[in-house]
């Protein structure tokens, strides 16, 4: 108890403000990271939706394109995205790997 009493000026004048500053920075970083996450989810969702619409209109999806969609979808899903994109993604995965004229 004597330590706190003897060094109260140091604790109240330096240590507490430094801790408060660091906690504030952490909260700001967490808020910024959440914003980045939401923006990334939105961009990925829009890209996946647009790509799946074009692929379904084409009627087939190459193996390479399926791999790219799978990589994007995994990242999207790991960030917490799960909506109508799953249905669009699955519909592309069920398409033929070859164009209709080669079948």
N, C-alpha and C. Protein backbone atom coordinates (compact mmCIF):
# COMPACT_ATOMS: atom_id res chain seq x y z
N UNK A 1 0.83 -1.20 0.00
CA UNK A 1 0.00 0.00 0.00
C UNK A 1 0.87 1.25 0.00
N UNK A 2 2.03 1.16 0.64
CA UNK A 2 2.92 2.30 0.69
C UNK A 2 3.47 2.65 -0.70
N UNK A 3 3.65 1.62 -1.52
CA UNK A 3 4.14 1.84 -2.89
C UNK A 3 3.17 2.69 -3.68
N UNK A 4 1.89 2.34 -3.62
CA UNK A 4 0.87 3.09 -4.36
C UNK A 4 0.80 4.53 -3.86
N UNK A 5 0.88 4.69 -2.55
CA UNK A 5 0.82 6.03 -1.98
C UNK A 5 2.04 6.84 -2.38
N UNK A 6 3.21 6.21 -2.36
CA UNK A 6 4.45 6.92 -2.69
C UNK A 6 4.54 7.28 -4.17
N UNK A 7 4.00 6.42 -5.02
CA UNK A 7 4.13 6.63 -6.47
C UNK A 7 2.80 6.95 -7.14
N UNK A 8 1.85 7.47 -6.40
CA UNK A 8 0.55 7.78 -6.96
C UNK A 8 0.64 8.78 -8.11
N UNK A 9 1.51 9.75 -7.99
CA UNK A 9 1.67 10.75 -9.06
C UNK A 9 2.09 10.07 -10.37
N UNK A 10 2.98 9.06 -10.26
CA UNK A 10 3.41 8.34 -11.46
C UNK A 10 2.28 7.49 -12.02
N UNK A 11 1.56 6.82 -11.13
CA UNK A 11 0.46 5.96 -11.56
C UNK A 11 -0.64 6.79 -12.20
N UNK A 12 -1.07 7.83 -11.53
CA UNK A 12 -2.19 8.64 -12.03
C UNK A 12 -1.79 9.54 -13.19
N UNK A 13 -0.54 9.98 -13.22
CA UNK A 13 -0.13 10.93 -14.24
C UNK A 13 0.44 10.31 -15.50
N UNK A 14 0.95 9.08 -15.42
CA UNK A 14 1.60 8.48 -16.57
C UNK A 14 0.98 7.12 -16.93
N UNK A 15 0.96 6.22 -15.99
CA UNK A 15 0.56 4.85 -16.31
C UNK A 15 -0.91 4.77 -16.71
N UNK A 16 -1.79 5.36 -15.96
CA UNK A 16 -3.23 5.30 -16.29
C UNK A 16 -3.52 5.95 -17.63
N UNK A 17 -3.00 7.15 -17.92
CA UNK A 17 -3.24 7.71 -19.26
C UNK A 17 -2.68 6.86 -20.40
N UNK A 18 -1.52 6.25 -20.18
CA UNK A 18 -0.93 5.40 -21.22
C UNK A 18 -1.82 4.18 -21.46
N UNK A 19 -2.29 3.55 -20.40
CA UNK A 19 -3.18 2.40 -20.54
C UNK A 19 -4.48 2.81 -21.22
N UNK A 20 -5.03 3.95 -20.82
CA UNK A 20 -6.26 4.45 -21.45
C UNK A 20 -6.04 4.71 -22.94
N UNK A 21 -4.92 5.30 -23.30
CA UNK A 21 -4.59 5.56 -24.70
C UNK A 21 -4.48 4.26 -25.48
N UNK A 22 -3.77 3.28 -24.91
CA UNK A 22 -3.60 2.00 -25.60
C UNK A 22 -4.93 1.27 -25.78
N UNK A 23 -5.78 1.30 -24.77
CA UNK A 23 -7.10 0.68 -24.90
C UNK A 23 -7.94 1.38 -25.95
N UNK A 24 -7.84 2.69 -26.01
CA UNK A 24 -8.56 3.45 -27.04
C UNK A 24 -8.09 3.10 -28.43
N UNK A 25 -6.79 2.94 -28.59
CA UNK A 25 -6.23 2.55 -29.89
C UNK A 25 -6.69 1.15 -30.28
N UNK A 26 -6.75 0.26 -29.29
CA UNK A 26 -7.21 -1.11 -29.57
C UNK A 26 -8.66 -1.09 -30.03
N UNK A 27 -9.50 -0.32 -29.35
CA UNK A 27 -10.92 -0.23 -29.74
C UNK A 27 -11.04 0.36 -31.14
N UNK A 28 -10.24 1.37 -31.43
CA UNK A 28 -10.27 1.98 -32.75
C UNK A 28 -9.83 0.96 -33.80
N UNK A 29 -8.79 0.23 -33.53
CA UNK A 29 -8.32 -0.78 -34.47
C UNK A 29 -9.38 -1.86 -34.68
N UNK A 30 -10.02 -2.29 -33.59
CA UNK A 30 -11.06 -3.31 -33.71
C UNK A 30 -12.21 -2.79 -34.56
N UNK A 31 -12.57 -1.52 -34.38
CA UNK A 31 -13.65 -0.92 -35.16
C UNK A 31 -13.25 -0.80 -36.63
N UNK A 32 -12.02 -0.39 -36.87
CA UNK A 32 -11.51 -0.29 -38.25
C UNK A 32 -11.48 -1.66 -38.92
N UNK A 33 -11.01 -2.66 -38.19
CA UNK A 33 -10.96 -4.02 -38.74
C UNK A 33 -12.35 -4.54 -39.06
N UNK A 34 -13.32 -4.24 -38.23
CA UNK A 34 -14.70 -4.67 -38.50
C UNK A 34 -15.22 -3.97 -39.76
N UNK A 35 -14.89 -2.70 -39.92
CA UNK A 35 -15.29 -1.99 -41.13
C UNK A 35 -14.65 -2.58 -42.38
N UNK A 36 -13.38 -2.92 -42.29
CA UNK A 36 -12.68 -3.54 -43.42
C UNK A 36 -13.31 -4.89 -43.73
N UNK A 37 -13.62 -5.65 -42.70
CA UNK A 37 -14.25 -6.96 -42.89
C UNK A 37 -15.59 -6.82 -43.61
N UNK A 38 -16.41 -5.86 -43.17
CA UNK A 38 -17.72 -5.66 -43.80
C UNK A 38 -17.58 -5.21 -45.25
N UNK A 39 -16.61 -4.34 -45.51
CA UNK A 39 -16.39 -3.89 -46.89
C UNK A 39 -15.92 -5.05 -47.77
N UNK A 40 -15.02 -5.86 -47.25
CA UNK A 40 -14.52 -7.01 -48.00
C UNK A 40 -15.64 -8.01 -48.25
N UNK A 41 -16.49 -8.23 -47.27
CA UNK A 41 -17.65 -9.10 -47.47
C UNK A 41 -18.54 -8.57 -48.58
N UNK A 42 -18.81 -7.28 -48.56
CA UNK A 42 -19.66 -6.69 -49.59
C UNK A 42 -19.08 -6.80 -50.98
N UNK A 43 -17.79 -6.51 -51.10
CA UNK A 43 -17.12 -6.59 -52.41
C UNK A 43 -17.12 -8.03 -52.91
N UNK A 44 -16.77 -8.97 -52.03
CA UNK A 44 -16.73 -10.37 -52.44
C UNK A 44 -18.12 -10.87 -52.80
N UNK A 45 -19.12 -10.48 -52.03
CA UNK A 45 -20.49 -10.88 -52.33
C UNK A 45 -20.93 -10.36 -53.69
N UNK A 46 -20.64 -9.10 -53.97
CA UNK A 46 -21.02 -8.51 -55.25
C UNK A 46 -20.30 -9.21 -56.40
N UNK A 47 -19.02 -9.49 -56.23
CA UNK A 47 -18.25 -10.15 -57.28
C UNK A 47 -18.76 -11.57 -57.53
N UNK A 48 -19.00 -12.31 -56.45
CA UNK A 48 -19.51 -13.67 -56.60
C UNK A 48 -20.87 -13.68 -57.26
N UNK A 49 -21.74 -12.78 -56.86
CA UNK A 49 -23.08 -12.72 -57.44
C UNK A 49 -23.00 -12.40 -58.93
N UNK A 50 -22.23 -11.40 -59.30
CA UNK A 50 -22.09 -11.00 -60.70
C UNK A 50 -21.49 -12.15 -61.52
N UNK A 51 -20.44 -12.77 -60.99
CA UNK A 51 -19.81 -13.88 -61.71
C UNK A 51 -20.77 -15.05 -61.89
N UNK A 52 -21.49 -15.40 -60.84
CA UNK A 52 -22.42 -16.53 -60.92
C UNK A 52 -23.55 -16.25 -61.90
N UNK A 53 -24.03 -15.01 -61.95
CA UNK A 53 -25.07 -14.66 -62.91
C UNK A 53 -24.57 -14.84 -64.35
N UNK A 54 -23.36 -14.36 -64.62
CA UNK A 54 -22.79 -14.50 -65.96
C UNK A 54 -22.53 -15.96 -66.31
N UNK A 55 -22.03 -16.72 -65.37
CA UNK A 55 -21.74 -18.13 -65.62
C UNK A 55 -23.02 -18.91 -65.88
N UNK A 56 -24.06 -18.66 -65.09
CA UNK A 56 -25.33 -19.37 -65.30
C UNK A 56 -25.93 -18.99 -66.65
N UNK A 57 -25.79 -17.75 -67.06
CA UNK A 57 -26.31 -17.33 -68.37
C UNK A 57 -25.55 -18.03 -69.49
N UNK A 58 -24.28 -18.28 -69.29
CA UNK A 58 -23.45 -18.97 -70.26
C UNK A 58 -23.82 -20.45 -70.33
N UNK A 59 -24.24 -21.01 -69.20
CA UNK A 59 -24.70 -22.40 -69.18
C UNK A 59 -23.66 -23.44 -68.83
N UNK A 60 -22.44 -23.05 -68.61
CA UNK A 60 -21.38 -23.97 -68.21
C UNK A 60 -20.32 -23.22 -67.44
N UNK A 61 -19.48 -23.97 -66.72
CA UNK A 61 -18.45 -23.34 -65.87
C UNK A 61 -17.20 -24.20 -65.92
N UNK A 62 -16.11 -23.65 -66.44
CA UNK A 62 -14.87 -24.41 -66.57
C UNK A 62 -14.33 -24.82 -65.19
N UNK A 63 -13.51 -25.82 -65.21
CA UNK A 63 -12.90 -26.31 -63.97
C UNK A 63 -12.10 -25.20 -63.29
N UNK A 64 -11.34 -24.44 -64.05
CA UNK A 64 -10.52 -23.36 -63.50
C UNK A 64 -11.39 -22.28 -62.86
N UNK A 65 -12.50 -21.95 -63.52
CA UNK A 65 -13.41 -20.95 -62.96
C UNK A 65 -14.05 -21.46 -61.68
N UNK A 66 -14.38 -22.74 -61.66
CA UNK A 66 -14.94 -23.34 -60.44
C UNK A 66 -13.93 -23.25 -59.29
N UNK A 67 -12.65 -23.47 -59.59
CA UNK A 67 -11.62 -23.36 -58.56
C UNK A 67 -11.53 -21.93 -58.02
N UNK A 68 -11.57 -20.96 -58.92
CA UNK A 68 -11.52 -19.56 -58.51
C UNK A 68 -12.73 -19.20 -57.66
N UNK A 69 -13.91 -19.61 -58.11
CA UNK A 69 -15.13 -19.36 -57.33
C UNK A 69 -15.05 -20.02 -55.96
N UNK A 70 -14.52 -21.22 -55.91
CA UNK A 70 -14.40 -21.94 -54.64
C UNK A 70 -13.48 -21.20 -53.68
N UNK A 71 -12.35 -20.72 -54.18
CA UNK A 71 -11.43 -19.96 -53.32
C UNK A 71 -12.09 -18.69 -52.79
N UNK A 72 -12.78 -17.97 -53.66
CA UNK A 72 -13.48 -16.76 -53.22
C UNK A 72 -14.59 -17.08 -52.22
N UNK A 73 -15.34 -18.12 -52.51
CA UNK A 73 -16.45 -18.48 -51.64
C UNK A 73 -15.96 -18.92 -50.26
N UNK A 74 -14.87 -19.67 -50.21
CA UNK A 74 -14.32 -20.08 -48.91
C UNK A 74 -13.94 -18.87 -48.07
N UNK A 75 -13.25 -17.92 -48.70
CA UNK A 75 -12.88 -16.69 -47.98
C UNK A 75 -14.10 -15.92 -47.53
N UNK A 76 -15.08 -15.81 -48.41
CA UNK A 76 -16.33 -15.12 -48.09
C UNK A 76 -17.02 -15.79 -46.91
N UNK A 77 -17.08 -17.10 -46.94
CA UNK A 77 -17.76 -17.86 -45.89
C UNK A 77 -17.00 -17.76 -44.56
N UNK A 78 -15.67 -17.79 -44.61
CA UNK A 78 -14.86 -17.68 -43.40
C UNK A 78 -14.97 -16.31 -42.75
N UNK A 79 -15.25 -15.28 -43.54
CA UNK A 79 -15.47 -13.94 -42.99
C UNK A 79 -16.87 -13.78 -42.38
N UNK A 80 -17.69 -14.80 -42.55
CA UNK A 80 -19.03 -14.74 -41.97
C UNK A 80 -20.13 -14.58 -42.98
N UNK A 81 -19.79 -14.51 -44.24
CA UNK A 81 -20.80 -14.36 -45.28
C UNK A 81 -21.54 -15.67 -45.52
N UNK A 82 -22.84 -15.60 -45.53
CA UNK A 82 -23.65 -16.77 -45.82
C UNK A 82 -25.06 -16.27 -46.14
N UNK A 83 -25.41 -16.29 -47.38
CA UNK A 83 -26.72 -15.79 -47.77
C UNK A 83 -27.11 -16.45 -49.08
N UNK A 84 -27.78 -15.70 -49.90
CA UNK A 84 -28.18 -16.20 -51.22
C UNK A 84 -26.97 -16.53 -52.08
N UNK A 85 -25.80 -16.09 -51.69
CA UNK A 85 -24.58 -16.39 -52.44
C UNK A 85 -24.32 -17.89 -52.43
N UNK A 86 -24.67 -18.57 -51.35
CA UNK A 86 -24.48 -20.02 -51.28
C UNK A 86 -25.28 -20.70 -52.38
N UNK A 87 -26.52 -20.27 -52.58
CA UNK A 87 -27.36 -20.84 -53.64
C UNK A 87 -26.76 -20.56 -55.01
N UNK A 88 -26.30 -19.34 -55.24
CA UNK A 88 -25.70 -18.98 -56.53
C UNK A 88 -24.42 -19.79 -56.75
N UNK A 89 -23.61 -19.91 -55.73
CA UNK A 89 -22.35 -20.67 -55.82
C UNK A 89 -22.64 -22.13 -56.15
N UNK A 90 -23.56 -22.73 -55.41
CA UNK A 90 -23.90 -24.15 -55.65
C UNK A 90 -24.44 -24.37 -57.05
N UNK A 91 -25.22 -23.43 -57.56
CA UNK A 91 -25.76 -23.59 -58.92
C UNK A 91 -24.64 -23.57 -59.96
N UNK A 92 -23.59 -22.79 -59.73
CA UNK A 92 -22.45 -22.78 -60.65
C UNK A 92 -21.64 -24.07 -60.54
N UNK A 93 -21.50 -24.58 -59.33
CA UNK A 93 -20.75 -25.82 -59.14
C UNK A 93 -21.45 -27.01 -59.79
N UNK A 94 -22.77 -26.94 -59.96
CA UNK A 94 -23.54 -28.03 -60.57
C UNK A 94 -23.55 -27.98 -62.09
N UNK A 95 -23.03 -26.91 -62.67
CA UNK A 95 -23.00 -26.79 -64.13
C UNK A 95 -21.91 -27.69 -64.73
N UNK A 96 -22.06 -28.01 -65.98
CA UNK A 96 -21.06 -28.81 -66.71
C UNK A 96 -19.75 -28.04 -66.80
N UNK A 97 -18.64 -28.80 -66.83
CA UNK A 97 -17.31 -28.20 -66.99
C UNK A 97 -17.01 -27.86 -68.46
N UNK A 98 -17.81 -28.36 -69.35
CA UNK A 98 -17.55 -28.18 -70.80
C UNK A 98 -18.66 -27.37 -71.45
N UNK A 99 -18.31 -26.60 -72.48
CA UNK A 99 -19.33 -25.84 -73.22
C UNK A 99 -20.31 -26.81 -73.89
N UNK A 100 -21.56 -26.40 -74.06
CA UNK A 100 -22.58 -27.29 -74.63
C UNK A 100 -22.20 -27.84 -76.02
N UNK A 101 -21.47 -27.09 -76.82
CA UNK A 101 -21.16 -27.54 -78.18
C UNK A 101 -20.11 -28.67 -78.19
N UNK A 102 -19.42 -28.92 -77.08
CA UNK A 102 -18.43 -29.99 -77.04
C UNK A 102 -18.99 -31.28 -76.43
N UNK A 103 -20.19 -31.21 -75.94
CA UNK A 103 -20.79 -32.39 -75.28
C UNK A 103 -21.50 -33.23 -76.31
